[in-house]
Amino acid sequence: MSDFTTADGLTLAYDDLGPQDARPILLIHGFSSNREEGWRRTGWYSAIERRGQRLIAMDTRGHGLSAKPHDPAAYERSRLVGDLIALLDHRKVGRADVVGYSMGARLALQLALTVPDRVDHLVLGGVGGRIFTPSPPDDAMGQAMEAADPDSISDPMLRSFRHFADEQGEDRLALAALSRAPSGGLTPDDLYAVRSPTLVAAGSRDELAGSPQVLADAIPGARSVSLPGCDHFNAIPHALLKASVFDFLDGYLEEGY
C-alpha cells in the first residue's frame, strides 16, 4: 500500500500493482466499500494480475485507509473526481482503462466527461437508467449511517448499506457526510459528450441501478450487459461480470450482447 496527499491536504491510500509498463486499469469502488473489499476480496486483483495489466486502485476519501473528513463540503463531486486525476498524475499515468462500480461508476463517468483524454475504455458497473433519477432530498442515507441501531432502519436497501459499512469497519459519520454532499445530476443529453468506448453492466435484480440498457442508450456507441440473477451487492464477484469486462477491454464483446 502507498499513499499521496491531495491539494486540500488529505492523505489517500492506493495500490499500484503489476508491470509498470503494462496497460493500466483504474478501479473505483462503491459507497461504503474500499479497494480491499470491493476489488481484492472479490477476485479482481488476481484476475487482472493474470491478465498482466497494471492495476491502480484507491480508497476514495471517506473510505478504507484514506482520510475521512466529516464535512459534506469535502465530498463535492469535483473533489472526488479531482482525487482520481491527482492519483493518475501522481503515478504518471496519462491514460487508463477505468472501471467503476456504483458510486465508483458515477465517478468514472464524471472523470470521462471532465478529462476525456485520460480515459481509454470506460466500464460502468452497478448503474443503469436510475442514474437519471434525482436523489431524494430526505437525507435517508445519512440518517441510516447515523442510526444507533441498524435494525431500526426500515428500508431494506439502506439497511443493507449500513450493515455493509459496519462489516467493513467504515467511519459512518464520514459516509453520512459524503451522502449529504451536493453531487449534481445527469441527463441523457449530458452523456453525448462521452467519447470513450463504454460498457454498462448491472444485475438483472439490481433495483438500485435500473436497466443498464437505458444508460447505455444515452452514451454514443455504448454496450450493456445484464447479469442474470444478480442484485447490487452480489454482482461484483460474479464471473460473468469479469468475463464481460475483460472481453470488452479486449475488443471481443459484440454490440447487443
Protein backbone atom coordinates (compact mmCIF):
# COMPACT_ATOMS: atom_id res chain seq x y z
CA MET A 1 0.00 0.00 0.00
CA SER A 2 1.09 3.57 -0.73
CA ASP A 3 -0.47 6.98 -0.22
CA PHE A 4 -0.39 10.51 -1.56
CA THR A 5 -1.62 13.91 -0.41
CA THR A 6 -4.35 15.82 -2.23
CA ALA A 7 -4.38 19.53 -2.97
CA ASP A 8 -6.66 20.09 0.04
CA GLY A 9 -4.34 18.20 2.38
CA LEU A 10 -5.97 14.76 2.65
CA THR A 11 -3.92 11.56 2.62
CA LEU A 12 -5.40 8.88 0.34
CA ALA A 13 -4.33 5.24 0.22
CA TYR A 14 -3.84 3.35 -3.03
CA ASP A 15 -2.29 0.29 -4.67
CA ASP A 16 -0.27 0.34 -7.89
CA LEU A 17 0.48 -3.26 -8.82
CA GLY A 18 1.76 -5.21 -11.79
CA PRO A 19 4.16 -4.29 -14.58
CA GLN A 20 4.63 -0.54 -14.63
CA ASP A 21 4.91 -0.52 -18.41
CA ALA A 22 1.70 -2.54 -18.93
CA ARG A 23 -1.71 -1.20 -19.93
CA PRO A 24 -3.10 0.45 -16.76
CA ILE A 25 -6.58 -0.15 -15.36
CA LEU A 26 -8.02 2.15 -12.67
CA LEU A 27 -10.59 0.59 -10.31
CA ILE A 28 -13.05 2.81 -8.40
CA HIS A 29 -15.07 1.18 -5.63
CA GLY A 30 -18.60 1.92 -4.45
CA PHE A 31 -20.10 3.73 -1.47
CA SER A 32 -19.22 2.22 1.94
CA SER A 33 -16.74 -0.17 0.31
CA ASN A 34 -12.98 0.12 -0.21
CA ARG A 35 -10.33 -1.23 -2.55
CA GLU A 36 -9.73 -4.35 -0.45
CA GLU A 37 -13.38 -5.35 -0.13
CA GLY A 38 -14.57 -4.09 -3.49
CA TRP A 39 -11.75 -5.41 -5.66
CA ARG A 40 -9.23 -7.66 -3.93
CA ARG A 41 -11.55 -9.93 -1.94
CA THR A 42 -13.90 -10.29 -4.91
CA GLY A 43 -11.13 -11.60 -7.15
CA TRP A 44 -10.46 -8.60 -9.38
CA TYR A 45 -6.88 -8.11 -8.24
CA SER A 46 -5.91 -11.69 -9.03
CA ALA A 47 -7.84 -11.71 -12.32
CA ILE A 48 -6.12 -8.53 -13.52
CA GLU A 49 -2.76 -9.87 -12.36
CA ARG A 50 -3.29 -12.94 -14.54
CA ARG A 51 -4.01 -10.64 -17.49
CA GLY A 52 -0.68 -8.89 -16.98
CA GLN A 53 -2.22 -5.43 -16.66
CA ARG A 54 -1.07 -2.70 -14.33
CA LEU A 55 -3.70 -2.25 -11.59
CA ILE A 56 -4.32 1.04 -9.77
CA ALA A 57 -6.97 1.24 -7.05
CA MET A 58 -7.59 3.88 -4.40
CA ASP A 59 -9.66 4.11 -1.25
CA THR A 60 -11.74 7.15 -2.10
CA ARG A 61 -11.84 9.85 0.57
CA GLY A 62 -14.11 8.78 3.42
CA HIS A 63 -13.33 5.07 2.92
CA GLY A 64 -10.84 2.37 3.82
CA LEU A 65 -7.43 3.66 4.85
CA SER A 66 -7.89 7.11 3.31
CA ALA A 67 -8.70 10.31 5.19
CA LYS A 68 -12.28 10.57 6.45
CA PRO A 69 -13.41 14.18 6.93
CA HIS A 70 -16.87 14.74 8.45
CA ASP A 71 -17.69 17.87 6.43
CA PRO A 72 -20.02 17.31 3.44
CA ALA A 73 -18.15 20.04 1.53
CA ALA A 74 -15.09 17.76 1.44
CA TYR A 75 -17.05 15.32 -0.73
CA GLU A 76 -18.22 17.55 -3.55
CA ARG A 77 -18.17 15.61 -6.81
CA SER A 78 -15.43 17.84 -8.24
CA ARG A 79 -13.16 16.97 -5.29
CA LEU A 80 -13.74 13.23 -5.68
CA VAL A 81 -13.01 13.36 -9.40
CA GLY A 82 -10.03 15.62 -8.71
CA ASP A 83 -8.61 12.91 -6.44
CA LEU A 84 -8.71 10.43 -9.33
CA ILE A 85 -6.93 12.86 -11.65
CA ALA A 86 -4.37 13.59 -8.93
CA LEU A 87 -3.74 9.86 -8.48
CA LEU A 88 -3.14 9.38 -12.21
CA ASP A 89 -0.80 12.37 -12.18
CA HIS A 90 0.98 11.08 -9.08
CA ARG A 91 1.59 7.71 -10.75
CA LYS A 92 2.48 9.38 -14.08
CA VAL A 93 -0.34 7.64 -15.92
CA GLY A 94 -1.54 9.58 -18.93
CA ARG A 95 -4.39 7.32 -19.96
CA ALA A 96 -6.05 4.27 -18.40
CA ASP A 97 -8.95 1.89 -18.71
CA VAL A 98 -11.38 2.92 -15.96
CA VAL A 99 -13.72 0.52 -14.15
CA GLY A 100 -16.13 1.85 -11.53
CA TYR A 101 -18.90 0.22 -9.54
CA SER A 102 -21.99 2.02 -8.18
CA MET A 103 -20.71 5.31 -6.71
CA GLY A 104 -17.42 4.47 -8.39
CA ALA A 105 -19.19 4.20 -11.74
CA ARG A 106 -20.66 7.66 -11.29
CA LEU A 107 -17.18 8.99 -10.56
CA ALA A 108 -15.77 7.12 -13.55
CA LEU A 109 -18.42 8.65 -15.79
CA GLN A 110 -17.69 12.13 -14.47
CA LEU A 111 -13.97 11.50 -14.97
CA ALA A 112 -14.63 10.64 -18.62
CA LEU A 113 -16.62 13.84 -19.04
CA THR A 114 -14.04 16.01 -17.23
CA VAL A 115 -10.80 14.68 -18.77
CA PRO A 116 -11.81 12.57 -21.77
CA ASP A 117 -8.21 12.27 -22.94
CA ARG A 118 -7.30 10.36 -19.75
CA VAL A 119 -9.92 7.58 -20.13
CA ASP A 120 -9.37 4.75 -22.60
CA HIS A 121 -12.15 2.16 -22.13
CA LEU A 122 -14.88 3.00 -19.61
CA VAL A 123 -16.79 0.39 -17.59
CA LEU A 124 -19.80 1.46 -15.54
CA GLY A 125 -20.92 -1.30 -13.16
CA GLY A 126 -23.89 -1.32 -10.80
CA VAL A 127 -25.58 1.61 -12.52
CA GLY A 128 -28.33 1.94 -15.10
CA GLY A 129 -31.28 4.08 -16.01
CA ARG A 130 -31.89 5.20 -12.45
CA ILE A 131 -28.76 7.34 -12.67
CA PHE A 132 -31.04 9.95 -14.23
CA THR A 133 -33.41 9.93 -11.22
CA PRO A 134 -32.63 12.82 -8.86
CA SER A 135 -31.59 11.76 -5.39
CA PRO A 136 -34.39 12.29 -2.85
CA PRO A 137 -33.80 15.27 -0.53
CA ASP A 138 -34.77 13.30 2.58
CA ASP A 139 -31.25 12.56 3.91
CA ALA A 140 -32.24 8.91 4.26
CA MET A 141 -28.73 7.53 3.71
CA GLY A 142 -27.16 9.98 6.16
CA GLN A 143 -29.72 9.08 8.81
CA ALA A 144 -29.19 5.38 8.17
CA MET A 145 -25.46 5.80 8.74
CA GLU A 146 -26.07 7.70 11.97
CA ALA A 147 -28.73 5.37 13.37
CA ALA A 148 -27.82 3.88 16.74
CA ASP A 149 -29.36 0.53 15.81
CA PRO A 150 -29.09 -0.62 12.19
CA ASP A 151 -32.06 -2.93 12.65
CA SER A 152 -34.21 0.15 13.22
CA ILE A 153 -33.72 1.15 9.56
CA SER A 154 -36.94 0.25 7.76
CA ASP A 155 -35.74 0.48 4.15
CA PRO A 156 -34.05 -2.82 3.17
CA MET A 157 -31.59 -1.21 0.76
CA LEU A 158 -30.47 1.41 3.29
CA ARG A 159 -30.21 -1.27 5.95
CA SER A 160 -28.02 -3.34 3.64
CA PHE A 161 -25.67 -0.41 3.07
CA ARG A 162 -25.49 0.23 6.81
CA HIS A 163 -24.72 -3.40 7.62
CA PHE A 164 -22.10 -3.44 4.87
CA ALA A 165 -20.45 -0.30 6.28
CA ASP A 166 -20.42 -1.84 9.76
CA GLU A 167 -18.93 -5.09 8.42
CA GLN A 168 -16.08 -3.12 6.80
CA GLY A 169 -15.47 -1.01 9.91
CA GLU A 170 -16.06 2.16 7.92
CA ASP A 171 -16.44 5.59 9.54
CA ARG A 172 -20.21 6.05 9.47
CA LEU A 173 -20.04 9.79 10.14
CA ALA A 174 -17.78 10.23 7.13
CA LEU A 175 -20.19 8.21 5.00
CA ALA A 176 -23.10 10.31 6.27
CA ALA A 177 -21.20 13.45 5.29
CA LEU A 178 -20.48 12.04 1.83
CA SER A 179 -24.15 11.18 1.32
CA ARG A 180 -25.06 14.80 2.11
CA ALA A 181 -22.59 16.35 -0.32
CA PRO A 182 -24.03 18.03 -3.41
CA SER A 183 -23.41 15.71 -6.34
CA GLY A 184 -25.34 17.34 -9.16
CA GLY A 185 -27.48 15.42 -11.61
CA LEU A 186 -27.04 13.97 -15.06
CA THR A 187 -29.36 13.99 -18.04
CA PRO A 188 -29.12 11.85 -21.16
CA ASP A 189 -28.06 14.94 -23.09
CA ASP A 190 -25.01 15.32 -20.83
CA LEU A 191 -23.72 11.92 -21.88
CA TYR A 192 -23.48 12.67 -25.59
CA ALA A 193 -20.06 14.09 -24.70
CA VAL A 194 -18.67 10.70 -23.61
CA ARG A 195 -16.14 9.62 -26.22
CA SER A 196 -14.61 6.55 -24.59
CA PRO A 197 -15.81 3.08 -25.64
CA THR A 198 -18.24 2.29 -22.82
CA LEU A 199 -19.74 -0.82 -21.22
CA VAL A 200 -22.65 -0.58 -18.77
CA ALA A 201 -23.24 -3.66 -16.59
CA ALA A 202 -25.71 -4.33 -13.79
CA GLY A 203 -27.50 -7.25 -12.19
CA SER A 204 -30.92 -8.16 -13.56
CA ARG A 205 -32.27 -7.82 -10.00
CA ASP A 206 -30.42 -4.59 -9.21
CA GLU A 207 -33.28 -2.25 -8.30
CA LEU A 208 -30.84 0.48 -7.27
CA ALA A 209 -29.27 0.61 -10.73
CA GLY A 210 -32.24 0.09 -13.03
CA SER A 211 -31.81 -1.03 -16.62
CA PRO A 212 -28.21 -0.89 -17.90
CA GLN A 213 -29.55 -0.60 -21.45
CA VAL A 214 -31.30 2.69 -20.64
CA LEU A 215 -27.99 4.22 -19.57
CA ALA A 216 -26.11 2.67 -22.50
CA ASP A 217 -28.64 4.16 -24.92
CA ALA A 218 -27.63 7.64 -23.75
CA ILE A 219 -23.89 7.12 -24.40
CA PRO A 220 -22.72 7.06 -28.02
CA GLY A 221 -21.82 3.51 -29.04
CA ALA A 222 -22.13 2.09 -25.52
CA ARG A 223 -22.93 -1.55 -24.88
CA SER A 224 -24.76 -3.13 -21.98
CA VAL A 225 -24.78 -6.39 -20.05
CA SER A 226 -27.48 -7.60 -17.65
CA LEU A 227 -26.17 -10.19 -15.18
CA PRO A 228 -28.81 -12.90 -14.62
CA GLY A 229 -29.87 -13.41 -11.01
CA CYS A 230 -27.57 -10.70 -9.61
CA ASP A 231 -28.51 -7.82 -7.35
CA HIS A 232 -26.50 -4.74 -6.43
CA PHE A 233 -24.31 -6.48 -3.88
CA ASN A 234 -23.51 -9.87 -5.41
CA ALA A 235 -22.71 -8.76 -8.96
CA ILE A 236 -19.17 -7.58 -8.24
CA PRO A 237 -17.59 -11.02 -7.64
CA HIS A 238 -19.64 -12.70 -10.38
CA ALA A 239 -17.55 -14.47 -13.03
CA LEU A 240 -19.83 -13.19 -15.79
CA LEU A 241 -19.10 -9.59 -14.85
CA LYS A 242 -15.34 -10.21 -15.02
CA ALA A 243 -15.67 -12.08 -18.30
CA SER A 244 -17.81 -9.32 -19.82
CA VAL A 245 -15.43 -6.58 -18.70
CA PHE A 246 -12.33 -8.36 -19.97
CA ASP A 247 -13.98 -9.27 -23.28
CA PHE A 248 -14.94 -5.61 -23.65
CA LEU A 249 -11.44 -4.37 -22.87
CA ASP A 250 -10.01 -6.84 -25.37
CA GLY A 251 -12.46 -5.87 -28.10
CA TYR A 252 -14.40 -9.14 -28.20
CA LEU A 253 -17.73 -8.01 -26.76
CA GLU A 254 -20.19 -7.64 -29.60
CA GLU A 255 -22.84 -4.93 -29.56
CA GLY A 256 -26.15 -6.22 -28.27
CA TYR A 257 -24.52 -8.84 -26.00
